[in-house]
C-alpha cells in the first residue's frame, strides 16, 4: 500500500518534467519580442537572450495575408470600398431623435417604478419607527430590520437621483 502513493508521485514528476521539456526555451529578442520558435543558434545570431524563471505565454499568430497565401489584408479585400463609411459620418437626425425618445420613455418608466417603490418603503419605515413583527421578540432583530430599511431607502433615493441625472443629459423632447 505504501508503494502506490510513491509510484503515483514519481509518475506525476516524470510527466511534469516531460511537459516542461516539451515547451523548449523561450527567448527575448531585441525590440521586446519573445519567441520559442527559433533554434539556439538563430537566437545567438539575432542577439536573443534565454528567459529563465518567468511565466511567459506565447500566443501563436497567423501572419497577415489572404488565406491563399498571396498576401494582403483579408478584411479590406472582402469589404467593397462603397460600403465603407467615412469616420465623420453621423446617425440620421430623425433616427437619433427616435433613439432619444425611446431612452427618455424607458428612463421615465423606470423613474416612476423606483418612486413607487420608495413611497412604499417610506410608508413601511414610518419615520424610523416601523411596526414590530411577531418574529422580532428580540429587540436587536427589530433594530437590524430598521437599519436595513434605512439603507434600502437611501439606495432607492440614490437610484432615483441617478435616473434624474440621466434624464437631464438627454436632449429635450420635441
C-alpha atoms as a PDB file:
ATOM      1  CA  UNK A   1       0.000   0.000   0.000  1.00  0.00           C
ATOM      2  CA  UNK A   2       2.815   2.427   0.750  1.00  0.00           C
ATOM      3  CA  UNK A   3       4.311   1.828  -2.691  1.00  0.00           C
ATOM      4  CA  UNK A   4       1.249   3.141  -4.536  1.00  0.00           C
ATOM      5  CA  UNK A   5       1.480   6.814  -3.391  1.00  0.00           C
ATOM      6  CA  UNK A   6       5.225   6.874  -4.074  1.00  0.00           C
ATOM      7  CA  UNK A   7       4.763   5.485  -7.579  1.00  0.00           C
ATOM      8  CA  UNK A   8       1.966   7.970  -8.343  1.00  0.00           C
ATOM      9  CA  UNK A   9       4.192  10.814  -7.192  1.00  0.00           C
ATOM     10  CA  UNK A  10       7.030   9.526  -9.348  1.00  0.00           C
ATOM     11  CA  UNK A  11       4.761   9.266 -12.417  1.00  0.00           C
ATOM     12  CA  UNK A  12       3.478  12.803 -11.814  1.00  0.00           C
ATOM     13  CA  UNK A  13       7.016  14.186 -11.557  1.00  0.00           C
ATOM     14  CA  UNK A  14       8.106  12.434 -14.754  1.00  0.00           C
ATOM     15  CA  UNK A  15       5.088  13.721 -16.690  1.00  0.00           C
ATOM     16  CA  UNK A  16       5.605  17.261 -15.395  1.00  0.00           C
ATOM     17  CA  UNK A  17       9.272  17.205 -16.355  1.00  0.00           C
ATOM     18  CA  UNK A  18       8.374  15.925 -19.822  1.00  0.00           C
ATOM     19  CA  UNK A  19       5.823  18.714 -20.287  1.00  0.00           C
ATOM     20  CA  UNK A  20       8.336  21.353 -19.229  1.00  0.00           C
ATOM     21  CA  UNK A  21      10.973  19.907 -21.547  1.00  0.00           C
ATOM     22  CA  UNK A  22       8.487  19.851 -24.448  1.00  0.00           C
ATOM     23  CA  UNK A  23       7.923  23.593 -24.197  1.00  0.00           C
ATOM     24  CA  UNK A  24      11.539  24.379 -25.073  1.00  0.00           C
ATOM     25  CA  UNK A  25      13.436  27.593 -24.451  1.00  0.00           C
ATOM     26  CA  UNK A  26      11.801  30.987 -24.544  1.00  0.00           C
ATOM     27  CA  UNK A  27      13.951  33.787 -25.932  1.00  0.00           C
ATOM     28  CA  UNK A  28      13.691  37.549 -25.541  1.00  0.00           C
ATOM     29  CA  UNK A  29      14.866  39.260 -28.679  1.00  0.00           C
ATOM     30  CA  UNK A  30      15.652  42.952 -29.291  1.00  0.00           C
ATOM     31  CA  UNK A  31      12.542  45.079 -29.576  1.00  0.00           C
ATOM     32  CA  UNK A  32      10.911  43.278 -26.624  1.00  0.00           C
ATOM     33  CA  UNK A  33       9.877  40.299 -28.758  1.00  0.00           C
ATOM     34  CA  UNK A  34       9.505  36.882 -27.143  1.00  0.00           C
ATOM     35  CA  UNK A  35       9.631  33.628 -29.085  1.00  0.00           C
ATOM     36  CA  UNK A  36      10.083  29.905 -28.652  1.00  0.00           C
ATOM     37  CA  UNK A  37      10.170  29.044 -32.341  1.00  0.00           C
ATOM     38  CA  UNK A  38      13.864  29.597 -33.090  1.00  0.00           C
ATOM     39  CA  UNK A  39      16.887  27.421 -32.540  1.00  0.00           C
ATOM     40  CA  UNK A  40      19.628  28.360 -30.064  1.00  0.00           C
ATOM     41  CA  UNK A  41      21.952  29.145 -32.996  1.00  0.00           C
ATOM     42  CA  UNK A  42      19.390  31.559 -34.525  1.00  0.00           C
ATOM     43  CA  UNK A  43      18.819  33.125 -31.108  1.00  0.00           C
ATOM     44  CA  UNK A  44      22.524  33.888 -30.745  1.00  0.00           C
ATOM     45  CA  UNK A  45      22.660  35.293 -34.276  1.00  0.00           C
ATOM     46  CA  UNK A  46      19.724  37.630 -33.583  1.00  0.00           C
ATOM     47  CA  UNK A  47      21.018  38.689 -30.174  1.00  0.00           C
ATOM     48  CA  UNK A  48      18.223  36.983 -28.227  1.00  0.00           C
ATOM     49  CA  UNK A  49      18.586  36.010 -24.567  1.00  0.00           C
ATOM     50  CA  UNK A  50      17.042  32.995 -22.796  1.00  0.00           C
ATOM     51  CA  UNK A  51      14.230  33.896 -20.375  1.00  0.00           C
ATOM     52  CA  UNK A  52      14.592  31.948 -17.128  1.00  0.00           C
ATOM     53  CA  UNK A  53      12.138  31.549 -14.276  1.00  0.00           C
ATOM     54  CA  UNK A  54       9.354  33.716 -15.656  1.00  0.00           C
ATOM     55  CA  UNK A  55       5.845  32.782 -16.635  1.00  0.00           C
ATOM     56  CA  UNK A  56       5.737  33.738 -20.287  1.00  0.00           C
ATOM     57  CA  UNK A  57       2.800  32.882 -22.511  1.00  0.00           C
ATOM     58  CA  UNK A  58       3.492  32.666 -26.220  1.00  0.00           C
ATOM     59  CA  UNK A  59       0.460  33.170 -28.455  1.00  0.00           C
ATOM     60  CA  UNK A  60       0.761  31.682 -31.912  1.00  0.00           C
ATOM     61  CA  UNK A  61      -0.455  34.116 -34.541  1.00  0.00           C
ATOM     62  CA  UNK A  62      -1.173  33.799 -38.218  1.00  0.00           C
ATOM     63  CA  UNK A  63       0.841  36.184 -40.364  1.00  0.00           C
ATOM     64  CA  UNK A  64      -1.262  38.850 -42.078  1.00  0.00           C
ATOM     65  CA  UNK A  65      -2.345  37.918 -45.549  1.00  0.00           C
ATOM     66  CA  UNK A  66      -5.030  36.201 -47.504  1.00  0.00           C
ATOM     67  CA  UNK A  67      -5.804  32.537 -46.909  1.00  0.00           C
ATOM     68  CA  UNK A  68      -4.424  31.683 -50.357  1.00  0.00           C
ATOM     69  CA  UNK A  69      -1.008  32.938 -49.204  1.00  0.00           C
ATOM     70  CA  UNK A  70      -0.729  35.804 -51.705  1.00  0.00           C
ATOM     71  CA  UNK A  71      -0.518  38.476 -49.015  1.00  0.00           C
ATOM     72  CA  UNK A  72      -2.727  41.468 -48.431  1.00  0.00           C
ATOM     73  CA  UNK A  73      -5.226  42.167 -45.715  1.00  0.00           C
ATOM     74  CA  UNK A  74      -8.263  39.873 -45.627  1.00  0.00           C
ATOM     75  CA  UNK A  75     -10.566  42.468 -44.067  1.00  0.00           C
ATOM     76  CA  UNK A  76     -10.056  45.185 -46.648  1.00  0.00           C
ATOM     77  CA  UNK A  77     -10.148  42.734 -49.535  1.00  0.00           C
ATOM     78  CA  UNK A  78     -13.605  41.418 -48.624  1.00  0.00           C
ATOM     79  CA  UNK A  79     -15.265  44.822 -47.973  1.00  0.00           C
ATOM     80  CA  UNK A  80     -16.155  46.871 -51.046  1.00  0.00           C
ATOM     81  CA  UNK A  81     -14.991  50.483 -50.995  1.00  0.00           C
ATOM     82  CA  UNK A  82     -18.530  51.838 -51.391  1.00  0.00           C
ATOM     83  CA  UNK A  83     -19.671  50.072 -48.200  1.00  0.00           C
ATOM     84  CA  UNK A  84     -17.066  51.777 -46.028  1.00  0.00           C
ATOM     85  CA  UNK A  85     -18.487  54.723 -44.068  1.00  0.00           C
ATOM     86  CA  UNK A  86     -16.379  57.783 -43.540  1.00  0.00           C
ATOM     87  CA  UNK A  87     -15.185  58.298 -39.984  1.00  0.00           C
ATOM     88  CA  UNK A  88     -17.017  61.609 -39.618  1.00  0.00           C
ATOM     89  CA  UNK A  89     -20.451  60.273 -40.659  1.00  0.00           C
ATOM     90  CA  UNK A  90     -23.193  60.569 -38.061  1.00  0.00           C
ATOM     91  CA  UNK A  91     -26.528  58.975 -37.377  1.00  0.00           C
ATOM     92  CA  UNK A  92     -29.517  60.377 -39.212  1.00  0.00           C
ATOM     93  CA  UNK A  93     -31.104  63.118 -37.023  1.00  0.00           C
ATOM     94  CA  UNK A  94     -34.588  61.577 -37.166  1.00  0.00           C
ATOM     95  CA  UNK A  95     -33.174  58.219 -36.096  1.00  0.00           C
ATOM     96  CA  UNK A  96     -31.285  59.884 -33.243  1.00  0.00           C
ATOM     97  CA  UNK A  97     -34.463  61.669 -32.085  1.00  0.00           C
ATOM     98  CA  UNK A  98     -36.270  58.322 -32.094  1.00  0.00           C
ATOM     99  CA  UNK A  99     -33.496  56.758 -30.013  1.00  0.00           C
ATOM    100  CA  UNK A 100     -33.565  59.674 -27.584  1.00  0.00           C
ATOM    101  CA  UNK A 101     -37.339  59.499 -27.188  1.00  0.00           C
ATOM    102  CA  UNK A 102     -37.135  55.737 -26.577  1.00  0.00           C
ATOM    103  CA  UNK A 103     -34.430  56.265 -23.974  1.00  0.00           C
ATOM    104  CA  UNK A 104     -36.470  59.030 -22.323  1.00  0.00           C
ATOM    105  CA  UNK A 105     -39.582  56.834 -22.254  1.00  0.00           C
ATOM    106  CA  UNK A 106     -37.656  53.934 -20.691  1.00  0.00           C
ATOM    107  CA  UNK A 107     -35.986  56.152 -18.098  1.00  0.00           C
ATOM    108  CA  UNK A 108     -39.272  57.839 -17.165  1.00  0.00           C
ATOM    109  CA  UNK A 109     -40.954  54.450 -16.692  1.00  0.00           C
ATOM    110  CA  UNK A 110     -38.055  53.299 -14.544  1.00  0.00           C
ATOM    111  CA  UNK A 111     -38.211  56.538 -12.544  1.00  0.00           C
ATOM    112  CA  UNK A 112     -41.942  56.068 -11.870  1.00  0.00           C
ATOM    113  CA  UNK A 113     -41.339  52.480 -10.745  1.00  0.00           C
ATOM    114  CA  UNK A 114     -38.492  53.487  -8.416  1.00  0.00           C
ATOM    115  CA  UNK A 115     -40.526  56.359  -6.927  1.00  0.00           C
ATOM    116  CA  UNK A 116     -43.447  53.998  -6.233  1.00  0.00           C
ATOM    117  CA  UNK A 117     -41.104  51.543  -4.524  1.00  0.00           C
ATOM    118  CA  UNK A 118     -39.579  54.375  -2.485  1.00  0.00           C
ATOM    119  CA  UNK A 119     -43.032  55.564  -1.385  1.00  0.00           C
ATOM    120  CA  UNK A 120     -43.928  52.031  -0.250  1.00  0.00           C
ATOM    121  CA  UNK A 121     -40.638  51.685   1.637  1.00  0.00           C
ATOM    122  CA  UNK A 122     -41.083  55.055   3.353  1.00  0.00           C
ATOM    123  CA  UNK A 123     -44.621  54.104   4.350  1.00  0.00           C
ATOM    124  CA  UNK A 124     -43.344  50.873   5.933  1.00  0.00           C
ATOM    125  CA  UNK A 125     -40.411  52.714   7.525  1.00  0.00           C
ATOM    126  CA  UNK A 126     -42.828  55.091   9.317  1.00  0.00           C
ATOM    127  CA  UNK A 127     -40.188  57.772  10.070  1.00  0.00           C
ATOM    128  CA  UNK A 128     -37.792  55.301  11.652  1.00  0.00           C
ATOM    129  CA  UNK A 129     -40.390  53.502  13.765  1.00  0.00           C
ATOM    130  CA  UNK A 130     -41.842  50.645  11.699  1.00  0.00           C
ATOM    131  CA  UNK A 131     -44.281  48.263  13.326  1.00  0.00           C
ATOM    132  CA  UNK A 132     -42.688  45.327  15.039  1.00  0.00           C
ATOM    133  CA  UNK A 133     -43.376  41.923  13.560  1.00  0.00           C
ATOM    134  CA  UNK A 134     -44.153  38.792  15.522  1.00  0.00           C
ATOM    135  CA  UNK A 135     -40.781  37.196  14.821  1.00  0.00           C
ATOM    136  CA  UNK A 136     -38.956  40.193  16.321  1.00  0.00           C
ATOM    137  CA  UNK A 137     -39.211  39.368  20.013  1.00  0.00           C
ATOM    138  CA  UNK A 138     -35.540  40.197  20.259  1.00  0.00           C
ATOM    139  CA  UNK A 139     -35.122  43.976  20.046  1.00  0.00           C
ATOM    140  CA  UNK A 140     -31.844  43.621  18.126  1.00  0.00           C
ATOM    141  CA  UNK A 141     -33.658  41.879  15.249  1.00  0.00           C
ATOM    142  CA  UNK A 142     -36.014  44.850  15.083  1.00  0.00           C
ATOM    143  CA  UNK A 143     -33.109  47.306  15.054  1.00  0.00           C
ATOM    144  CA  UNK A 144     -31.369  45.293  12.310  1.00  0.00           C
ATOM    145  CA  UNK A 145     -34.517  45.392  10.167  1.00  0.00           C
ATOM    146  CA  UNK A 146     -34.883  49.152  10.724  1.00  0.00           C
ATOM    147  CA  UNK A 147     -31.240  49.720   9.710  1.00  0.00           C
ATOM    148  CA  UNK A 148     -31.730  47.555   6.617  1.00  0.00           C
ATOM    149  CA  UNK A 149     -34.857  49.512   5.681  1.00  0.00           C
ATOM    150  CA  UNK A 150     -32.983  52.797   6.116  1.00  0.00           C
ATOM    151  CA  UNK A 151     -30.155  51.561   3.856  1.00  0.00           C
ATOM    152  CA  UNK A 152     -32.661  50.376   1.248  1.00  0.00           C
ATOM    153  CA  UNK A 153     -34.388  53.772   1.270  1.00  0.00           C
ATOM    154  CA  UNK A 154     -31.045  55.548   0.848  1.00  0.00           C
ATOM    155  CA  UNK A 155     -30.181  53.245  -2.068  1.00  0.00           C
ATOM    156  CA  UNK A 156     -33.560  53.928  -3.734  1.00  0.00           C
ATOM    157  CA  UNK A 157     -33.069  57.683  -3.317  1.00  0.00           C
ATOM    158  CA  UNK A 158     -29.635  57.367  -4.905  1.00  0.00           C
ATOM    159  CA  UNK A 159     -31.097  55.355  -7.796  1.00  0.00           C
ATOM    160  CA  UNK A 160     -33.780  57.992  -8.349  1.00  0.00           C
ATOM    161  CA  UNK A 161     -31.186  60.770  -8.338  1.00  0.00           C
ATOM    162  CA  UNK A 162     -29.066  58.927 -10.918  1.00  0.00           C
ATOM    163  CA  UNK A 163     -32.084  58.328 -13.177  1.00  0.00           C
ATOM    164  CA  UNK A 164     -32.923  62.039 -12.970  1.00  0.00           C
ATOM    165  CA  UNK A 165     -29.321  62.877 -13.913  1.00  0.00           C
ATOM    166  CA  UNK A 166     -29.577  60.577 -16.933  1.00  0.00           C
ATOM    167  CA  UNK A 167     -32.847  62.215 -17.941  1.00  0.00           C
ATOM    168  CA  UNK A 168     -31.175  65.615 -17.632  1.00  0.00           C
ATOM    169  CA  UNK A 169     -28.449  64.538 -20.066  1.00  0.00           C
ATOM    170  CA  UNK A 170     -30.965  63.665 -22.784  1.00  0.00           C
ATOM    171  CA  UNK A 171     -31.996  66.412 -25.195  1.00  0.00           C
ATOM    172  CA  UNK A 172     -35.406  67.981 -24.573  1.00  0.00           C
ATOM    173  CA  UNK A 173     -38.354  66.118 -26.067  1.00  0.00           C
ATOM    174  CA  UNK A 174     -39.590  67.643 -29.327  1.00  0.00           C
END
